[in-house]
Amino acid sequence: MAKAKGEHYVDNKVFLQAIIEWKEKCKIAEEAEEQKPAVTNYIGECFLKIATHLSYRPNFINYTYKDDMISDGIENCLQYASNFNPEKSNNPFAYFTQIIYYAFIRRIQKEKKQTHVKNRIVAGSNYQSYDTMPGDSTSYSIDNSFAMDNLPAEDVYKPKTVEKKSKKGLENFMEDDIEDVAVLGVER
């Protein structure tokens, strides 16, 4: 039995038509030297739906700043909506999904950087935070050396560079094989 096709949360054909109509309005406004019109409610709803559903993916689901990620994604969609070219692509869903995806990645990197900076500040300071009850004469101290030792020295928010391994071509393989044969004294 064939699997029933599910209903999509954004209809790509309707979304494409809405983008085309909005771009035509933008072109008319530009020719008349007027301000560019705002995106329609439907286009805005599509941006929100795409961003919200993308945030449910396993690689984005557990972040506490998910609302900020969604907001950044929508903001970037609004910023780059006029760059979508219907003549080159008839898939605005994919175009805006990529924009939102990279907005999410940038927000995660930004939050990791902020967390790292906060941890370095807290671990490096002699800030002592404790509450005492009236009449408590006990001396309390906080040892920050443990926190400093457990923080990575490098900035964890920077993307790591991957060294590419040099691949040997067939020529290099054959040269190595010929050298091995010569070393063993075997003739061909």
C-alpha atoms as a PDB file:
ATOM      1  CA  MET A   1       0.000   0.000   0.000  1.00  0.00           C
ATOM      2  CA  ALA A   2       1.377   3.402  -0.964  1.00  0.00           C
ATOM      3  CA  LYS A   3       2.117   5.855   1.805  1.00  0.00           C
ATOM      4  CA  ALA A   4      -0.267   8.806   1.895  1.00  0.00           C
ATOM      5  CA  LYS A   5       1.413  12.069   1.075  1.00  0.00           C
ATOM      6  CA  GLY A   6       1.444  14.398   4.086  1.00  0.00           C
ATOM      7  CA  GLU A   7       0.339  17.967   3.935  1.00  0.00           C
ATOM      8  CA  HIS A   8       3.234  20.414   3.900  1.00  0.00           C
ATOM      9  CA  TYR A   9       3.250  23.323   6.292  1.00  0.00           C
ATOM     10  CA  VAL A  10       4.355  25.661   3.472  1.00  0.00           C
ATOM     11  CA  ASP A  11       2.950  25.176  -0.027  1.00  0.00           C
ATOM     12  CA  ASN A  12       5.946  25.905  -2.234  1.00  0.00           C
ATOM     13  CA  LYS A  13       3.869  26.834  -5.313  1.00  0.00           C
ATOM     14  CA  VAL A  14       1.724  29.341  -3.429  1.00  0.00           C
ATOM     15  CA  PHE A  15       4.824  30.657  -1.645  1.00  0.00           C
ATOM     16  CA  LEU A  16       6.591  31.127  -5.002  1.00  0.00           C
ATOM     17  CA  GLN A  17       3.597  32.979  -6.447  1.00  0.00           C
ATOM     18  CA  ALA A  18       3.442  35.257  -3.385  1.00  0.00           C
ATOM     19  CA  ILE A  19       7.163  36.041  -3.708  1.00  0.00           C
ATOM     20  CA  ILE A  20       6.779  36.802  -7.430  1.00  0.00           C
ATOM     21  CA  GLU A  21       3.852  39.165  -6.771  1.00  0.00           C
ATOM     22  CA  TRP A  22       5.761  40.903  -3.967  1.00  0.00           C
ATOM     23  CA  LYS A  23       8.855  41.303  -6.163  1.00  0.00           C
ATOM     24  CA  GLU A  24       6.692  42.875  -8.881  1.00  0.00           C
ATOM     25  CA  LYS A  25       5.366  45.375  -6.316  1.00  0.00           C
ATOM     26  CA  CYS A  26       8.974  46.093  -5.281  1.00  0.00           C
ATOM     27  CA  LYS A  27       9.955  46.700  -8.909  1.00  0.00           C
ATOM     28  CA  ILE A  28       7.040  49.107  -9.411  1.00  0.00           C
ATOM     29  CA  ALA A  29       7.943  50.946  -6.193  1.00  0.00           C
ATOM     30  CA  GLU A  30      11.579  51.182  -7.236  1.00  0.00           C
ATOM     31  CA  GLU A  31      10.649  52.645 -10.652  1.00  0.00           C
ATOM     32  CA  ALA A  32       8.404  55.185  -8.954  1.00  0.00           C
ATOM     33  CA  GLU A  33      11.249  55.899  -6.490  1.00  0.00           C
ATOM     34  CA  GLU A  34       9.056  54.959  -3.550  1.00  0.00           C
ATOM     35  CA  GLN A  35       9.813  52.922  -0.490  1.00  0.00           C
ATOM     36  CA  LYS A  36       9.919  49.162  -0.982  1.00  0.00           C
ATOM     37  CA  PRO A  37       6.666  47.541   0.220  1.00  0.00           C
ATOM     38  CA  ALA A  38       6.668  45.261   3.249  1.00  0.00           C
ATOM     39  CA  VAL A  39       6.359  41.536   2.680  1.00  0.00           C
ATOM     40  CA  THR A  40       2.830  40.211   2.818  1.00  0.00           C
ATOM     41  CA  ASN A  41       1.419  38.484   5.878  1.00  0.00           C
ATOM     42  CA  TYR A  42       1.479  35.179   4.005  1.00  0.00           C
ATOM     43  CA  ILE A  43       5.195  35.495   3.221  1.00  0.00           C
ATOM     44  CA  GLY A  44       5.890  36.451   6.831  1.00  0.00           C
ATOM     45  CA  GLU A  45       3.910  33.434   8.050  1.00  0.00           C
ATOM     46  CA  CYS A  46       5.925  31.193   5.726  1.00  0.00           C
ATOM     47  CA  PHE A  47       9.179  32.570   7.159  1.00  0.00           C
ATOM     48  CA  LEU A  48       7.895  31.933  10.681  1.00  0.00           C
ATOM     49  CA  LYS A  49       6.734  28.397   9.845  1.00  0.00           C
ATOM     50  CA  ILE A  50      10.020  27.487   8.165  1.00  0.00           C
ATOM     51  CA  ALA A  51      12.080  28.851  11.063  1.00  0.00           C
ATOM     52  CA  THR A  52       9.905  27.211  13.708  1.00  0.00           C
ATOM     53  CA  HIS A  53       9.919  23.813  12.029  1.00  0.00           C
ATOM     54  CA  LEU A  54      13.670  23.985  11.381  1.00  0.00           C
ATOM     55  CA  SER A  55      14.203  24.638  15.091  1.00  0.00           C
ATOM     56  CA  TYR A  56      12.629  21.231  15.832  1.00  0.00           C
ATOM     57  CA  ARG A  57      15.445  19.396  14.071  1.00  0.00           C
ATOM     58  CA  PRO A  58      17.623  17.353  16.427  1.00  0.00           C
ATOM     59  CA  ASN A  59      20.658  19.584  15.931  1.00  0.00           C
ATOM     60  CA  PHE A  60      18.722  22.681  17.102  1.00  0.00           C
ATOM     61  CA  ILE A  61      16.106  21.375  19.530  1.00  0.00           C
ATOM     62  CA  ASN A  62      17.834  21.666  22.919  1.00  0.00           C
ATOM     63  CA  TYR A  63      19.159  25.215  22.829  1.00  0.00           C
ATOM     64  CA  THR A  64      17.747  27.570  25.455  1.00  0.00           C
ATOM     65  CA  TYR A  65      17.994  30.514  23.054  1.00  0.00           C
ATOM     66  CA  LYS A  66      15.861  28.869  20.365  1.00  0.00           C
ATOM     67  CA  ASP A  67      13.561  31.912  20.206  1.00  0.00           C
ATOM     68  CA  ASP A  68      16.567  34.095  19.390  1.00  0.00           C
ATOM     69  CA  MET A  69      17.555  31.655  16.664  1.00  0.00           C
ATOM     70  CA  ILE A  70      14.076  31.823  15.131  1.00  0.00           C
ATOM     71  CA  SER A  71      14.081  35.616  15.325  1.00  0.00           C
ATOM     72  CA  ASP A  72      17.480  35.815  13.645  1.00  0.00           C
ATOM     73  CA  GLY A  73      16.283  33.485  10.894  1.00  0.00           C
ATOM     74  CA  ILE A  74      13.187  35.567  10.188  1.00  0.00           C
ATOM     75  CA  GLU A  75      15.225  38.770  10.267  1.00  0.00           C
ATOM     76  CA  ASN A  76      17.665  37.370   7.714  1.00  0.00           C
ATOM     77  CA  CYS A  77      14.806  36.202   5.496  1.00  0.00           C
ATOM     78  CA  LEU A  78      13.349  39.704   5.507  1.00  0.00           C
ATOM     79  CA  GLN A  79      16.767  41.161   4.807  1.00  0.00           C
ATOM     80  CA  TYR A  80      17.466  38.887   1.826  1.00  0.00           C
ATOM     81  CA  ALA A  81      13.946  38.331   0.469  1.00  0.00           C
ATOM     82  CA  SER A  82      14.562  40.665  -2.446  1.00  0.00           C
ATOM     83  CA  ASN A  83      17.611  38.606  -3.486  1.00  0.00           C
ATOM     84  CA  PHE A  84      15.490  35.583  -4.378  1.00  0.00           C
ATOM     85  CA  ASN A  85      15.358  35.256  -8.170  1.00  0.00           C
ATOM     86  CA  PRO A  86      12.337  33.286  -9.470  1.00  0.00           C
ATOM     87  CA  GLU A  87      13.990  33.065 -12.889  1.00  0.00           C
ATOM     88  CA  LYS A  88      16.871  31.009 -11.438  1.00  0.00           C
ATOM     89  CA  SER A  89      14.918  28.902  -8.973  1.00  0.00           C
ATOM     90  CA  ASN A  90      11.311  27.963  -8.396  1.00  0.00           C
ATOM     91  CA  ASN A  91      11.966  26.748  -4.848  1.00  0.00           C
ATOM     92  CA  PRO A  92      11.750  29.638  -2.367  1.00  0.00           C
ATOM     93  CA  PHE A  93      11.244  27.139   0.465  1.00  0.00           C
ATOM     94  CA  ALA A  94      14.767  25.746   0.002  1.00  0.00           C
ATOM     95  CA  TYR A  95      16.261  29.223  -0.457  1.00  0.00           C
ATOM     96  CA  PHE A  96      14.828  30.597   2.756  1.00  0.00           C
ATOM     97  CA  THR A  97      15.462  27.370   4.673  1.00  0.00           C
ATOM     98  CA  GLN A  98      19.172  27.768   3.899  1.00  0.00           C
ATOM     99  CA  ILE A  99      19.094  31.395   5.034  1.00  0.00           C
ATOM    100  CA  ILE A 100      17.450  30.379   8.315  1.00  0.00           C
ATOM    101  CA  TYR A 101      19.804  27.421   8.790  1.00  0.00           C
ATOM    102  CA  TYR A 102      22.890  29.635   8.564  1.00  0.00           C
ATOM    103  CA  ALA A 103      21.259  32.232  10.839  1.00  0.00           C
ATOM    104  CA  PHE A 104      20.815  29.455  13.416  1.00  0.00           C
ATOM    105  CA  ILE A 105      24.470  28.460  13.065  1.00  0.00           C
ATOM    106  CA  ARG A 106      25.611  32.079  13.521  1.00  0.00           C
ATOM    107  CA  ARG A 107      23.435  32.459  16.646  1.00  0.00           C
ATOM    108  CA  ILE A 108      24.845  29.251  18.147  1.00  0.00           C
ATOM    109  CA  GLN A 109      28.405  30.456  17.513  1.00  0.00           C
ATOM    110  CA  LYS A 110      27.587  33.850  19.029  1.00  0.00           C
ATOM    111  CA  GLU A 111      26.067  32.264  22.143  1.00  0.00           C
ATOM    112  CA  LYS A 112      29.017  29.886  22.535  1.00  0.00           C
ATOM    113  CA  LYS A 113      31.355  32.857  22.356  1.00  0.00           C
ATOM    114  CA  GLN A 114      29.367  34.714  25.014  1.00  0.00           C
ATOM    115  CA  THR A 115      29.285  31.658  27.264  1.00  0.00           C
ATOM    116  CA  HIS A 116      33.020  31.184  26.885  1.00  0.00           C
ATOM    117  CA  VAL A 117      33.684  34.851  27.714  1.00  0.00           C
ATOM    118  CA  LYS A 118      31.420  34.674  30.787  1.00  0.00           C
ATOM    119  CA  ASN A 119      33.117  31.500  31.997  1.00  0.00           C
ATOM    120  CA  ARG A 120      36.570  33.025  31.571  1.00  0.00           C
ATOM    121  CA  ILE A 121      35.529  36.139  33.486  1.00  0.00           C
ATOM    122  CA  VAL A 122      33.970  34.198  36.337  1.00  0.00           C
ATOM    123  CA  ALA A 123      36.833  31.715  36.541  1.00  0.00           C
ATOM    124  CA  GLY A 124      39.521  34.386  36.379  1.00  0.00           C
ATOM    125  CA  SER A 125      38.060  36.708  38.969  1.00  0.00           C
ATOM    126  CA  ASN A 126      38.237  36.478  42.706  1.00  0.00           C
ATOM    127  CA  TYR A 127      34.540  37.143  42.900  1.00  0.00           C
ATOM    128  CA  GLN A 128      33.114  35.548  45.987  1.00  0.00           C
ATOM    129  CA  SER A 129      29.407  35.197  46.231  1.00  0.00           C
ATOM    130  CA  TYR A 130      27.833  33.719  49.316  1.00  0.00           C
ATOM    131  CA  ASP A 131      25.128  34.606  51.754  1.00  0.00           C
ATOM    132  CA  THR A 132      25.440  34.271  55.479  1.00  0.00           C
ATOM    133  CA  MET A 133      22.876  34.297  58.190  1.00  0.00           C
ATOM    134  CA  PRO A 134      23.092  36.869  60.964  1.00  0.00           C
ATOM    135  CA  GLY A 135      25.281  35.445  63.699  1.00  0.00           C
ATOM    136  CA  ASP A 136      27.198  33.095  61.348  1.00  0.00           C
ATOM    137  CA  SER A 137      30.894  33.557  62.087  1.00  0.00           C
ATOM    138  CA  THR A 138      32.190  30.822  59.735  1.00  0.00           C
ATOM    139  CA  SER A 139      34.742  31.892  57.123  1.00  0.00           C
ATOM    140  CA  TYR A 140      33.834  30.862  53.571  1.00  0.00           C
ATOM    141  CA  SER A 141      36.083  30.858  50.524  1.00  0.00           C
ATOM    142  CA  ILE A 142      35.666  29.895  46.886  1.00  0.00           C
ATOM    143  CA  ASP A 143      38.435  28.119  44.995  1.00  0.00           C
ATOM    144  CA  ASN A 144      38.410  29.299  41.359  1.00  0.00           C
ATOM    145  CA  SER A 145      41.475  27.268  40.375  1.00  0.00           C
ATOM    146  CA  PHE A 146      39.278  24.269  39.595  1.00  0.00           C
ATOM    147  CA  ALA A 147      37.123  26.354  37.246  1.00  0.00           C
ATOM    148  CA  MET A 148      40.167  27.844  35.489  1.00  0.00           C
ATOM    149  CA  ASP A 149      41.730  24.408  35.034  1.00  0.00           C
ATOM    150  CA  ASN A 150      38.600  23.003  33.410  1.00  0.00           C
ATOM    151  CA  LEU A 151      38.127  25.781  30.846  1.00  0.00           C
ATOM    152  CA  PRO A 152      39.736  25.194  27.479  1.00  0.00           C
ATOM    153  CA  ALA A 153      42.627  27.536  26.772  1.00  0.00           C
ATOM    154  CA  GLU A 154      41.612  28.125  23.162  1.00  0.00           C
ATOM    155  CA  ASP A 155      38.473  29.902  22.133  1.00  0.00           C
ATOM    156  CA  VAL A 156      35.888  27.151  21.727  1.00  0.00           C
ATOM    157  CA  TYR A 157      33.586  29.311  19.637  1.00  0.00           C
ATOM    158  CA  LYS A 158      35.997  29.576  16.701  1.00  0.00           C
ATOM    159  CA  PRO A 159      35.466  27.051  13.928  1.00  0.00           C
ATOM    160  CA  LYS A 160      38.148  24.423  13.881  1.00  0.00           C
ATOM    161  CA  THR A 161      40.255  24.098  10.770  1.00  0.00           C
ATOM    162  CA  VAL A 162      40.539  20.639   9.339  1.00  0.00           C
ATOM    163  CA  GLU A 163      43.827  19.696   7.796  1.00  0.00           C
ATOM    164  CA  LYS A 164      43.403  18.013   4.457  1.00  0.00           C
ATOM    165  CA  LYS A 165      45.336  14.838   3.971  1.00  0.00           C
ATOM    166  CA  SER A 166      47.330  14.697   0.794  1.00  0.00           C
ATOM    167  CA  LYS A 167      45.977  12.000  -1.429  1.00  0.00           C
ATOM    168  CA  LYS A 168      48.330  10.058  -3.579  1.00  0.00           C
ATOM    169  CA  GLY A 169      47.428   9.771  -7.190  1.00  0.00           C
ATOM    170  CA  LEU A 170      47.846   6.637  -9.245  1.00  0.00           C
ATOM    171  CA  GLU A 171      51.195   7.928 -10.507  1.00  0.00           C
ATOM    172  CA  ASN A 172      52.584   8.237  -6.985  1.00  0.00           C
ATOM    173  CA  PHE A 173      51.299   4.769  -6.127  1.00  0.00           C
ATOM    174  CA  MET A 174      52.970   3.294  -9.162  1.00  0.00           C
ATOM    175  CA  GLU A 175      56.250   5.099  -8.380  1.00  0.00           C
ATOM    176  CA  ASP A 176      56.204   3.700  -4.817  1.00  0.00           C
ATOM    177  CA  ASP A 177      55.517   0.211  -6.177  1.00  0.00           C
ATOM    178  CA  ILE A 178      58.379   0.462  -8.667  1.00  0.00           C
ATOM    179  CA  GLU A 179      60.735   1.674  -5.907  1.00  0.00           C
ATOM    180  CA  ASP A 180      59.680  -1.264  -3.670  1.00  0.00           C
ATOM    181  CA  VAL A 181      60.367  -3.722  -6.457  1.00  0.00           C
ATOM    182  CA  ALA A 182      63.774  -2.152  -7.093  1.00  0.00           C
ATOM    183  CA  VAL A 183      64.647  -2.386  -3.385  1.00  0.00           C
ATOM    184  CA  LEU A 184      63.711  -6.064  -3.286  1.00  0.00           C
ATOM    185  CA  GLY A 185      65.775  -6.732  -6.402  1.00  0.00           C
ATOM    186  CA  VAL A 186      62.875  -8.222  -8.311  1.00  0.00           C
ATOM    187  CA  GLU A 187      62.867  -7.655 -12.037  1.00  0.00           C
ATOM    188  CA  ARG A 188      59.774  -7.331 -14.117  1.00  0.00           C
END
